[in-house]
């Protein structure tokens, strides 16, 4: 995972508004599908996947993006010329970007608790327990990132089932309950 250039020093604040055209999905599977779809739309000459940066502008190199950074770039429609982190967005979007990052790392219980603001039921806990850590959750470059994306795609049916169990139990996401 060696990078051909030094780690950027980025300022977190900007006077420019960030683009946030619409709310992100309210389910684990929906958020992950959004990230996976967005990852597939990124131009490989403009972006380089790197799990260590959210959405980091590089002067002479492609913009670095993590899994959540793909959402910042595509769904949230922000250009590769900007360095952006989750706390630059609304609280709702910030929290959902953090949830995507938890899923990238395989912290399924943490992602569930953050999205639904409560512990999972016993049945959901059993389902979460059996979810594996995604392959190459610390990635650099398109080859490693594509392997990571394939491992996450394989988990979508289980996440849909967990979301359905949450809905059946009357558990709603933090952004739906307000």
N, C-alpha and C. Protein backbone atom coordinates (compact mmCIF):
# COMPACT_ATOMS: atom_id res chain seq x y z
N UNK A 1 0.82 -1.16 0.00
CA UNK A 1 0.00 0.00 0.00
C UNK A 1 0.88 1.25 0.00
N UNK A 2 2.05 1.18 -0.54
CA UNK A 2 2.92 2.34 -0.62
C UNK A 2 2.36 3.35 -1.61
N UNK A 3 2.43 4.60 -1.23
CA UNK A 3 1.97 5.68 -2.09
C UNK A 3 3.17 6.30 -2.77
N UNK A 4 3.02 6.73 -4.02
CA UNK A 4 4.15 7.30 -4.76
C UNK A 4 4.43 8.76 -4.40
N UNK A 5 3.78 9.29 -3.39
CA UNK A 5 3.94 10.69 -3.02
C UNK A 5 3.64 10.84 -1.54
N UNK A 6 4.02 11.93 -0.93
CA UNK A 6 3.83 12.10 0.51
C UNK A 6 2.36 12.29 0.89
N UNK A 7 2.05 11.94 2.13
CA UNK A 7 0.69 12.12 2.66
C UNK A 7 0.35 13.62 2.66
N UNK A 8 -0.86 13.98 2.20
CA UNK A 8 -1.21 15.39 2.13
C UNK A 8 -1.48 15.98 3.51
N UNK A 9 -1.23 17.24 3.63
CA UNK A 9 -1.59 17.98 4.83
C UNK A 9 -2.78 18.84 4.41
N UNK A 10 -3.95 18.51 4.91
CA UNK A 10 -5.17 19.19 4.45
C UNK A 10 -5.79 19.99 5.58
N UNK A 11 -6.36 21.12 5.22
CA UNK A 11 -7.14 21.86 6.19
C UNK A 11 -8.57 21.37 6.10
N UNK A 12 -9.22 21.22 7.23
CA UNK A 12 -10.56 20.66 7.26
C UNK A 12 -11.64 21.68 6.94
N UNK A 13 -11.38 22.93 7.10
CA UNK A 13 -12.40 23.96 6.91
C UNK A 13 -12.25 24.64 5.56
N UNK A 14 -13.36 25.05 5.03
CA UNK A 14 -13.38 25.77 3.77
C UNK A 14 -14.49 26.81 3.81
N UNK A 15 -14.32 27.90 3.12
CA UNK A 15 -15.37 28.91 3.07
C UNK A 15 -16.39 28.58 1.98
N UNK A 16 -16.06 27.63 1.12
CA UNK A 16 -16.97 27.24 0.05
C UNK A 16 -18.02 26.28 0.59
N UNK A 17 -19.28 26.43 0.17
CA UNK A 17 -20.29 25.47 0.62
C UNK A 17 -20.05 24.11 -0.03
N UNK A 18 -20.44 23.07 0.68
CA UNK A 18 -20.33 21.73 0.13
C UNK A 18 -21.65 21.38 -0.56
N UNK A 19 -21.56 20.52 -1.55
CA UNK A 19 -22.75 20.09 -2.26
C UNK A 19 -23.40 18.95 -1.49
N UNK A 20 -24.71 19.07 -1.29
CA UNK A 20 -25.46 18.04 -0.58
C UNK A 20 -26.89 18.05 -1.13
N UNK A 21 -27.05 17.58 -2.38
CA UNK A 21 -28.32 17.77 -3.08
C UNK A 21 -29.52 17.02 -2.50
N UNK A 22 -29.30 15.86 -1.91
CA UNK A 22 -30.44 15.10 -1.37
C UNK A 22 -29.99 14.22 -0.22
N UNK A 23 -30.94 13.83 0.64
CA UNK A 23 -30.58 12.98 1.78
C UNK A 23 -30.08 11.61 1.32
N UNK A 24 -29.21 11.05 2.10
CA UNK A 24 -28.71 9.70 1.82
C UNK A 24 -29.71 8.67 2.33
N UNK A 25 -29.61 7.41 1.86
CA UNK A 25 -30.55 6.37 2.28
C UNK A 25 -30.59 6.17 3.80
N UNK A 26 -31.69 5.55 4.26
CA UNK A 26 -31.93 5.36 5.69
C UNK A 26 -31.77 3.92 6.15
N UNK A 27 -31.11 3.08 5.35
CA UNK A 27 -30.87 1.69 5.75
C UNK A 27 -29.40 1.34 5.53
N UNK A 28 -28.96 0.30 6.20
CA UNK A 28 -27.57 -0.15 6.01
C UNK A 28 -27.34 -0.57 4.57
N UNK A 29 -28.25 -1.40 4.04
CA UNK A 29 -28.09 -1.85 2.66
C UNK A 29 -28.18 -0.68 1.69
N UNK A 30 -29.07 0.25 1.94
CA UNK A 30 -29.22 1.41 1.07
C UNK A 30 -27.97 2.27 1.04
N UNK A 31 -27.38 2.50 2.21
CA UNK A 31 -26.14 3.28 2.26
C UNK A 31 -25.00 2.56 1.54
N UNK A 32 -24.89 1.25 1.78
CA UNK A 32 -23.82 0.50 1.12
C UNK A 32 -24.03 0.45 -0.38
N UNK A 33 -25.26 0.25 -0.83
CA UNK A 33 -25.54 0.25 -2.27
C UNK A 33 -25.19 1.60 -2.89
N UNK A 34 -25.50 2.66 -2.19
CA UNK A 34 -25.16 4.00 -2.68
C UNK A 34 -23.66 4.13 -2.87
N UNK A 35 -22.89 3.69 -1.89
CA UNK A 35 -21.42 3.77 -1.98
C UNK A 35 -20.90 2.89 -3.11
N UNK A 36 -21.44 1.68 -3.24
CA UNK A 36 -20.99 0.77 -4.30
C UNK A 36 -21.32 1.33 -5.68
N UNK A 37 -22.53 1.85 -5.82
CA UNK A 37 -22.92 2.44 -7.11
C UNK A 37 -22.03 3.64 -7.44
N UNK A 38 -21.79 4.48 -6.44
CA UNK A 38 -20.96 5.66 -6.67
C UNK A 38 -19.52 5.28 -7.02
N UNK A 39 -19.00 4.25 -6.38
CA UNK A 39 -17.64 3.80 -6.67
C UNK A 39 -17.52 3.38 -8.14
N UNK A 40 -18.57 2.78 -8.66
CA UNK A 40 -18.53 2.31 -10.05
C UNK A 40 -18.59 3.44 -11.06
N UNK A 41 -18.95 4.65 -10.61
CA UNK A 41 -19.06 5.78 -11.54
C UNK A 41 -17.81 6.64 -11.60
N UNK A 42 -16.88 6.44 -10.67
CA UNK A 42 -15.72 7.33 -10.59
C UNK A 42 -14.73 7.08 -11.73
N UNK A 43 -14.20 8.13 -12.26
CA UNK A 43 -13.21 8.08 -13.34
C UNK A 43 -11.85 7.68 -12.75
N UNK A 44 -11.26 6.61 -13.26
CA UNK A 44 -9.99 6.13 -12.70
C UNK A 44 -8.83 7.09 -12.94
N UNK A 45 -8.98 8.00 -13.88
CA UNK A 45 -7.93 9.00 -14.10
C UNK A 45 -8.06 10.19 -13.13
N UNK A 46 -9.24 10.35 -12.54
CA UNK A 46 -9.51 11.49 -11.66
C UNK A 46 -9.42 11.13 -10.19
N UNK A 47 -9.73 9.86 -9.86
CA UNK A 47 -9.77 9.41 -8.47
C UNK A 47 -8.87 8.21 -8.24
N UNK A 48 -8.35 8.11 -7.03
CA UNK A 48 -7.60 6.92 -6.61
C UNK A 48 -8.17 6.48 -5.26
N UNK A 49 -8.62 5.25 -5.16
CA UNK A 49 -9.15 4.77 -3.88
C UNK A 49 -8.04 4.63 -2.85
N UNK A 50 -8.28 5.18 -1.68
CA UNK A 50 -7.35 5.08 -0.56
C UNK A 50 -8.16 5.14 0.74
N UNK A 51 -8.12 4.08 1.50
CA UNK A 51 -8.94 3.98 2.71
C UNK A 51 -8.54 4.98 3.78
N UNK A 52 -7.40 5.61 3.66
CA UNK A 52 -6.92 6.54 4.68
C UNK A 52 -7.37 7.98 4.52
N UNK A 53 -8.06 8.32 3.45
CA UNK A 53 -8.53 9.68 3.23
C UNK A 53 -9.98 9.66 2.77
N UNK A 54 -10.76 10.63 3.23
CA UNK A 54 -12.17 10.70 2.86
C UNK A 54 -12.32 11.14 1.40
N UNK A 55 -11.93 12.35 1.10
CA UNK A 55 -12.03 12.93 -0.25
C UNK A 55 -10.96 14.02 -0.30
N UNK A 56 -9.75 13.63 -0.70
CA UNK A 56 -8.59 14.50 -0.56
C UNK A 56 -8.03 14.93 -1.91
N UNK A 57 -8.05 16.21 -2.12
CA UNK A 57 -7.52 16.81 -3.34
C UNK A 57 -6.00 16.68 -3.35
N UNK A 58 -5.48 16.36 -4.50
CA UNK A 58 -4.03 16.27 -4.69
C UNK A 58 -3.68 17.15 -5.89
N UNK A 59 -2.67 17.95 -5.77
CA UNK A 59 -2.33 18.88 -6.84
C UNK A 59 -1.95 18.16 -8.14
N UNK A 60 -1.02 17.26 -8.09
CA UNK A 60 -0.53 16.62 -9.31
C UNK A 60 -0.90 15.15 -9.42
N UNK A 61 -1.82 14.71 -8.59
CA UNK A 61 -2.23 13.30 -8.56
C UNK A 61 -3.75 13.24 -8.48
N UNK A 62 -4.30 12.05 -8.72
CA UNK A 62 -5.77 11.92 -8.60
C UNK A 62 -6.25 12.18 -7.17
N UNK A 63 -7.51 12.59 -7.06
CA UNK A 63 -8.15 12.82 -5.77
C UNK A 63 -8.29 11.48 -5.06
N UNK A 64 -7.88 11.43 -3.81
CA UNK A 64 -7.99 10.19 -3.03
C UNK A 64 -9.36 10.10 -2.38
N UNK A 65 -9.98 8.93 -2.48
CA UNK A 65 -11.29 8.72 -1.87
C UNK A 65 -11.36 7.37 -1.19
N UNK A 66 -12.00 7.36 -0.02
CA UNK A 66 -12.33 6.10 0.64
C UNK A 66 -13.72 5.70 0.15
N UNK A 67 -14.30 4.67 0.74
CA UNK A 67 -15.63 4.22 0.32
C UNK A 67 -16.66 5.34 0.50
N UNK A 68 -16.66 5.99 1.65
CA UNK A 68 -17.59 7.10 1.88
C UNK A 68 -17.24 8.29 0.98
N UNK A 69 -15.97 8.45 0.64
CA UNK A 69 -15.56 9.51 -0.26
C UNK A 69 -16.16 9.36 -1.65
N UNK A 70 -16.49 8.14 -2.03
CA UNK A 70 -17.18 7.92 -3.31
C UNK A 70 -18.55 8.59 -3.29
N UNK A 71 -19.22 8.53 -2.14
CA UNK A 71 -20.52 9.20 -1.99
C UNK A 71 -20.32 10.71 -2.03
N UNK A 72 -19.28 11.20 -1.36
CA UNK A 72 -18.99 12.64 -1.37
C UNK A 72 -18.79 13.11 -2.81
N UNK A 73 -18.10 12.30 -3.61
CA UNK A 73 -17.81 12.68 -5.00
C UNK A 73 -19.05 12.56 -5.89
N UNK A 74 -19.74 11.44 -5.84
CA UNK A 74 -20.79 11.18 -6.82
C UNK A 74 -22.19 11.61 -6.35
N UNK A 75 -22.76 10.95 -5.37
CA UNK A 75 -24.11 11.28 -4.92
C UNK A 75 -24.19 12.72 -4.42
N UNK A 76 -23.20 13.14 -3.64
CA UNK A 76 -23.21 14.50 -3.10
C UNK A 76 -22.62 15.51 -4.07
N UNK A 77 -22.12 15.03 -5.21
CA UNK A 77 -21.73 15.88 -6.33
C UNK A 77 -20.69 16.95 -5.98
N UNK A 78 -19.60 16.52 -5.34
CA UNK A 78 -18.51 17.44 -5.01
C UNK A 78 -17.32 17.16 -5.93
N UNK A 79 -16.63 18.18 -6.38
CA UNK A 79 -15.55 18.01 -7.36
C UNK A 79 -14.27 17.45 -6.73
N UNK A 80 -13.42 16.83 -7.54
CA UNK A 80 -12.16 16.27 -7.06
C UNK A 80 -11.14 17.34 -6.68
N UNK A 81 -11.46 18.57 -6.91
CA UNK A 81 -10.55 19.68 -6.59
C UNK A 81 -10.70 20.15 -5.15
N UNK A 82 -11.54 19.47 -4.37
CA UNK A 82 -11.80 19.87 -2.98
C UNK A 82 -11.42 18.77 -2.02
N UNK A 83 -10.85 19.15 -0.88
CA UNK A 83 -10.61 18.22 0.22
C UNK A 83 -11.78 18.35 1.17
N UNK A 84 -12.49 17.24 1.38
CA UNK A 84 -13.71 17.27 2.18
C UNK A 84 -13.72 16.12 3.19
N UNK A 85 -14.28 16.39 4.34
CA UNK A 85 -14.44 15.37 5.39
C UNK A 85 -15.89 15.41 5.87
N UNK A 86 -16.37 14.36 6.53
CA UNK A 86 -17.78 14.29 6.90
C UNK A 86 -18.32 15.46 7.72
N UNK A 87 -17.53 16.01 8.63
CA UNK A 87 -18.10 17.06 9.48
C UNK A 87 -18.29 18.40 8.76
N UNK A 88 -18.01 18.42 7.47
CA UNK A 88 -18.27 19.62 6.67
C UNK A 88 -19.70 19.60 6.10
N UNK A 89 -20.40 18.49 6.30
CA UNK A 89 -21.76 18.31 5.79
C UNK A 89 -22.76 18.45 6.93
N UNK A 90 -24.03 18.30 6.62
CA UNK A 90 -25.07 18.32 7.65
C UNK A 90 -24.81 17.18 8.64
N UNK A 91 -25.39 17.29 9.81
CA UNK A 91 -25.22 16.24 10.83
C UNK A 91 -25.71 14.90 10.33
N UNK A 92 -26.85 14.90 9.62
CA UNK A 92 -27.41 13.67 9.07
C UNK A 92 -26.43 13.00 8.10
N UNK A 93 -25.91 13.78 7.16
CA UNK A 93 -24.98 13.24 6.17
C UNK A 93 -23.67 12.83 6.82
N UNK A 94 -23.18 13.63 7.75
CA UNK A 94 -21.94 13.28 8.46
C UNK A 94 -22.07 11.92 9.12
N UNK A 95 -23.17 11.72 9.82
CA UNK A 95 -23.36 10.45 10.52
C UNK A 95 -23.46 9.28 9.53
N UNK A 96 -24.13 9.49 8.43
CA UNK A 96 -24.28 8.41 7.44
C UNK A 96 -22.95 8.10 6.75
N UNK A 97 -22.12 9.10 6.51
CA UNK A 97 -20.79 8.84 5.96
C UNK A 97 -19.94 8.04 6.96
N UNK A 98 -20.07 8.35 8.23
CA UNK A 98 -19.37 7.58 9.26
C UNK A 98 -19.87 6.14 9.32
N UNK A 99 -21.16 5.94 9.09
CA UNK A 99 -21.73 4.59 9.07
C UNK A 99 -21.14 3.80 7.91
N UNK A 100 -21.03 4.43 6.75
CA UNK A 100 -20.41 3.76 5.59
C UNK A 100 -18.97 3.37 5.94
N UNK A 101 -18.25 4.25 6.63
CA UNK A 101 -16.88 3.92 7.02
C UNK A 101 -16.85 2.76 8.00
N UNK A 102 -17.81 2.69 8.91
CA UNK A 102 -17.89 1.55 9.83
C UNK A 102 -18.11 0.25 9.06
N UNK A 103 -18.96 0.31 8.04
CA UNK A 103 -19.21 -0.90 7.23
C UNK A 103 -17.96 -1.27 6.44
N UNK A 104 -17.23 -0.29 5.94
CA UNK A 104 -15.97 -0.57 5.24
C UNK A 104 -15.05 -1.41 6.12
N UNK A 105 -15.03 -1.09 7.40
CA UNK A 105 -14.14 -1.78 8.34
C UNK A 105 -14.73 -3.08 8.89
N UNK A 106 -16.00 -3.33 8.60
CA UNK A 106 -16.64 -4.53 9.14
C UNK A 106 -17.16 -4.34 10.56
N UNK A 107 -17.34 -3.10 10.99
CA UNK A 107 -17.93 -2.82 12.31
C UNK A 107 -19.44 -2.75 12.13
N UNK A 108 -20.03 -3.91 11.92
CA UNK A 108 -21.45 -4.00 11.59
C UNK A 108 -22.34 -3.58 12.76
N UNK A 109 -21.97 -4.00 13.96
CA UNK A 109 -22.75 -3.62 15.14
C UNK A 109 -22.70 -2.10 15.35
N UNK A 110 -21.51 -1.52 15.21
CA UNK A 110 -21.37 -0.08 15.35
C UNK A 110 -22.18 0.66 14.30
N UNK A 111 -22.17 0.17 13.07
CA UNK A 111 -22.95 0.79 12.00
C UNK A 111 -24.44 0.72 12.32
N UNK A 112 -24.89 -0.44 12.79
CA UNK A 112 -26.30 -0.60 13.15
C UNK A 112 -26.69 0.37 14.26
N UNK A 113 -25.90 0.40 15.32
CA UNK A 113 -26.22 1.26 16.46
C UNK A 113 -26.20 2.75 16.08
N UNK A 114 -25.30 3.13 15.22
CA UNK A 114 -25.22 4.53 14.79
C UNK A 114 -26.44 4.89 13.93
N UNK A 115 -26.83 4.01 13.02
CA UNK A 115 -27.95 4.30 12.14
C UNK A 115 -29.28 4.25 12.87
N UNK A 116 -29.47 3.22 13.69
CA UNK A 116 -30.76 3.01 14.33
C UNK A 116 -30.83 3.55 15.76
N UNK A 117 -29.70 4.05 16.29
CA UNK A 117 -29.65 4.67 17.60
C UNK A 117 -30.13 3.77 18.73
N UNK A 118 -29.90 2.47 18.58
CA UNK A 118 -30.23 1.52 19.64
C UNK A 118 -29.53 0.20 19.37
N UNK A 119 -29.48 -0.61 20.40
CA UNK A 119 -28.89 -1.94 20.23
C UNK A 119 -29.80 -2.79 19.36
N UNK A 120 -29.21 -3.71 18.61
CA UNK A 120 -30.04 -4.61 17.81
C UNK A 120 -30.77 -5.62 18.69
N UNK A 121 -31.87 -6.14 18.18
CA UNK A 121 -32.57 -7.22 18.88
C UNK A 121 -31.67 -8.45 18.91
N UNK A 122 -32.05 -9.44 19.68
CA UNK A 122 -31.26 -10.68 19.76
C UNK A 122 -31.13 -11.33 18.39
N UNK A 123 -32.23 -11.36 17.65
CA UNK A 123 -32.20 -11.98 16.31
C UNK A 123 -31.27 -11.20 15.37
N UNK A 124 -31.36 -9.90 15.40
CA UNK A 124 -30.49 -9.08 14.54
C UNK A 124 -29.04 -9.22 14.99
N UNK A 125 -28.80 -9.28 16.29
CA UNK A 125 -27.43 -9.47 16.80
C UNK A 125 -26.81 -10.75 16.26
N UNK A 126 -27.61 -11.80 16.20
CA UNK A 126 -27.09 -13.08 15.65
C UNK A 126 -26.71 -12.91 14.18
N UNK A 127 -27.54 -12.21 13.43
CA UNK A 127 -27.24 -11.97 12.00
C UNK A 127 -25.97 -11.13 11.85
N UNK A 128 -25.86 -10.09 12.65
CA UNK A 128 -24.69 -9.21 12.60
C UNK A 128 -23.42 -9.98 12.97
N UNK A 129 -23.53 -10.84 13.97
CA UNK A 129 -22.38 -11.62 14.42
C UNK A 129 -21.76 -12.44 13.29
N UNK A 130 -22.60 -12.91 12.38
CA UNK A 130 -22.12 -13.77 11.29
C UNK A 130 -21.64 -13.02 10.05
N UNK A 131 -21.74 -11.70 10.07
CA UNK A 131 -21.21 -10.93 8.94
C UNK A 131 -19.69 -10.86 9.04
N UNK A 132 -18.99 -11.19 7.97
CA UNK A 132 -17.53 -11.15 8.02
C UNK A 132 -16.97 -9.73 7.85
N UNK A 133 -15.73 -9.58 8.20
CA UNK A 133 -15.01 -8.34 7.90
C UNK A 133 -14.73 -8.35 6.39
N UNK A 134 -15.03 -7.26 5.70
CA UNK A 134 -14.79 -7.23 4.25
C UNK A 134 -13.31 -7.43 3.90
N UNK A 135 -13.10 -8.00 2.74
CA UNK A 135 -11.75 -8.24 2.24
C UNK A 135 -11.08 -6.89 1.95
N UNK A 136 -9.82 -6.75 2.33
CA UNK A 136 -9.01 -5.56 2.07
C UNK A 136 -9.71 -4.26 2.51
N UNK A 137 -10.13 -4.20 3.77
CA UNK A 137 -10.80 -2.98 4.24
C UNK A 137 -9.84 -1.80 4.33
N UNK A 138 -8.54 -2.07 4.31
CA UNK A 138 -7.53 -1.01 4.19
C UNK A 138 -6.92 -1.17 2.80
N UNK A 139 -7.31 -0.31 1.89
CA UNK A 139 -6.94 -0.47 0.49
C UNK A 139 -6.21 0.76 -0.04
N UNK A 140 -5.46 0.54 -1.11
CA UNK A 140 -4.89 1.63 -1.89
C UNK A 140 -4.87 1.19 -3.34
N UNK A 141 -5.51 1.95 -4.18
CA UNK A 141 -5.51 1.65 -5.61
C UNK A 141 -6.76 0.89 -6.03
N UNK A 142 -6.95 0.87 -7.32
CA UNK A 142 -8.16 0.28 -7.90
C UNK A 142 -8.22 -1.23 -7.76
N UNK A 143 -7.11 -1.91 -7.85
CA UNK A 143 -7.14 -3.38 -7.75
C UNK A 143 -7.62 -3.81 -6.37
N UNK A 144 -7.00 -3.26 -5.32
CA UNK A 144 -7.42 -3.60 -3.96
C UNK A 144 -8.85 -3.13 -3.69
N UNK A 145 -9.18 -1.95 -4.16
CA UNK A 145 -10.52 -1.40 -3.93
C UNK A 145 -11.59 -2.27 -4.59
N UNK A 146 -11.35 -2.72 -5.81
CA UNK A 146 -12.34 -3.57 -6.49
C UNK A 146 -12.55 -4.89 -5.75
N UNK A 147 -11.50 -5.45 -5.17
CA UNK A 147 -11.65 -6.66 -4.35
C UNK A 147 -12.49 -6.36 -3.12
N UNK A 148 -12.24 -5.21 -2.52
CA UNK A 148 -13.02 -4.78 -1.36
C UNK A 148 -14.50 -4.61 -1.73
N UNK A 149 -14.76 -3.96 -2.86
CA UNK A 149 -16.13 -3.74 -3.30
C UNK A 149 -16.86 -5.06 -3.56
N UNK A 150 -16.18 -6.01 -4.16
CA UNK A 150 -16.81 -7.32 -4.41
C UNK A 150 -17.19 -8.00 -3.10
N UNK A 151 -16.32 -7.90 -2.09
CA UNK A 151 -16.64 -8.54 -0.81
C UNK A 151 -17.83 -7.86 -0.13
N UNK A 152 -17.95 -6.54 -0.30
CA UNK A 152 -19.10 -5.83 0.26
C UNK A 152 -20.38 -6.14 -0.50
N UNK A 153 -20.29 -6.22 -1.80
CA UNK A 153 -21.46 -6.54 -2.63
C UNK A 153 -22.06 -7.87 -2.21
N UNK A 154 -21.22 -8.83 -1.88
CA UNK A 154 -21.70 -10.15 -1.46
C UNK A 154 -22.49 -10.09 -0.16
N UNK A 155 -22.32 -9.04 0.63
CA UNK A 155 -23.01 -8.92 1.92
C UNK A 155 -24.34 -8.19 1.83
N UNK A 156 -24.68 -7.65 0.68
CA UNK A 156 -25.93 -6.89 0.56
C UNK A 156 -27.17 -7.70 0.92
N UNK A 157 -27.31 -8.97 0.52
CA UNK A 157 -28.52 -9.71 0.91
C UNK A 157 -28.68 -9.82 2.44
N UNK A 158 -27.57 -10.07 3.15
CA UNK A 158 -27.65 -10.17 4.60
C UNK A 158 -28.02 -8.81 5.21
N UNK A 159 -27.48 -7.72 4.67
CA UNK A 159 -27.80 -6.39 5.19
C UNK A 159 -29.27 -6.04 4.92
N UNK A 160 -29.79 -6.44 3.77
CA UNK A 160 -31.21 -6.21 3.48
C UNK A 160 -32.08 -6.96 4.49
N UNK A 161 -31.66 -8.17 4.82
CA UNK A 161 -32.39 -8.96 5.81
C UNK A 161 -32.35 -8.29 7.18
N UNK A 162 -31.20 -7.79 7.57
CA UNK A 162 -31.07 -7.08 8.86
C UNK A 162 -31.95 -5.83 8.87
N UNK A 163 -31.95 -5.07 7.79
CA UNK A 163 -32.81 -3.89 7.69
C UNK A 163 -34.28 -4.28 7.78
N UNK A 164 -34.66 -5.37 7.13
CA UNK A 164 -36.06 -5.83 7.18
C UNK A 164 -36.44 -6.26 8.60
N UNK A 165 -35.54 -6.93 9.28
CA UNK A 165 -35.81 -7.33 10.66
C UNK A 165 -35.95 -6.10 11.55
N UNK A 166 -35.12 -5.09 11.33
CA UNK A 166 -35.23 -3.85 12.10
C UNK A 166 -36.58 -3.20 11.85
N UNK A 167 -36.99 -3.12 10.60
CA UNK A 167 -38.29 -2.51 10.27
C UNK A 167 -39.43 -3.29 10.91
N UNK A 168 -39.36 -4.62 10.87
CA UNK A 168 -40.40 -5.46 11.47
C UNK A 168 -40.48 -5.27 12.98
N UNK A 169 -39.35 -4.94 13.59
CA UNK A 169 -39.30 -4.71 15.04
C UNK A 169 -39.65 -3.26 15.40
N UNK A 170 -39.97 -2.45 14.38
CA UNK A 170 -40.32 -1.05 14.62
C UNK A 170 -39.12 -0.16 14.85
N UNK A 171 -37.94 -0.62 14.46
CA UNK A 171 -36.71 0.16 14.63
C UNK A 171 -36.50 0.99 13.36
N UNK A 172 -36.40 2.31 13.52
CA UNK A 172 -36.20 3.19 12.38
C UNK A 172 -34.89 3.94 12.51
N UNK A 173 -34.38 4.41 11.41
CA UNK A 173 -33.12 5.14 11.42
C UNK A 173 -33.28 6.48 12.13
N UNK A 174 -32.18 7.01 12.59
CA UNK A 174 -32.19 8.29 13.31
C UNK A 174 -32.79 9.41 12.47
N UNK A 175 -32.59 9.35 11.15
CA UNK A 175 -33.09 10.44 10.30
C UNK A 175 -34.56 10.27 9.95
N UNK A 176 -35.10 9.09 10.17
CA UNK A 176 -36.51 8.86 9.93
C UNK A 176 -37.34 9.16 11.17
N UNK A 177 -36.70 9.08 12.33
CA UNK A 177 -37.44 9.24 13.58
C UNK A 177 -37.59 10.70 13.98
N UNK A 178 -36.88 11.61 13.29
CA UNK A 178 -36.99 13.02 13.70
C UNK A 178 -38.15 13.72 13.07
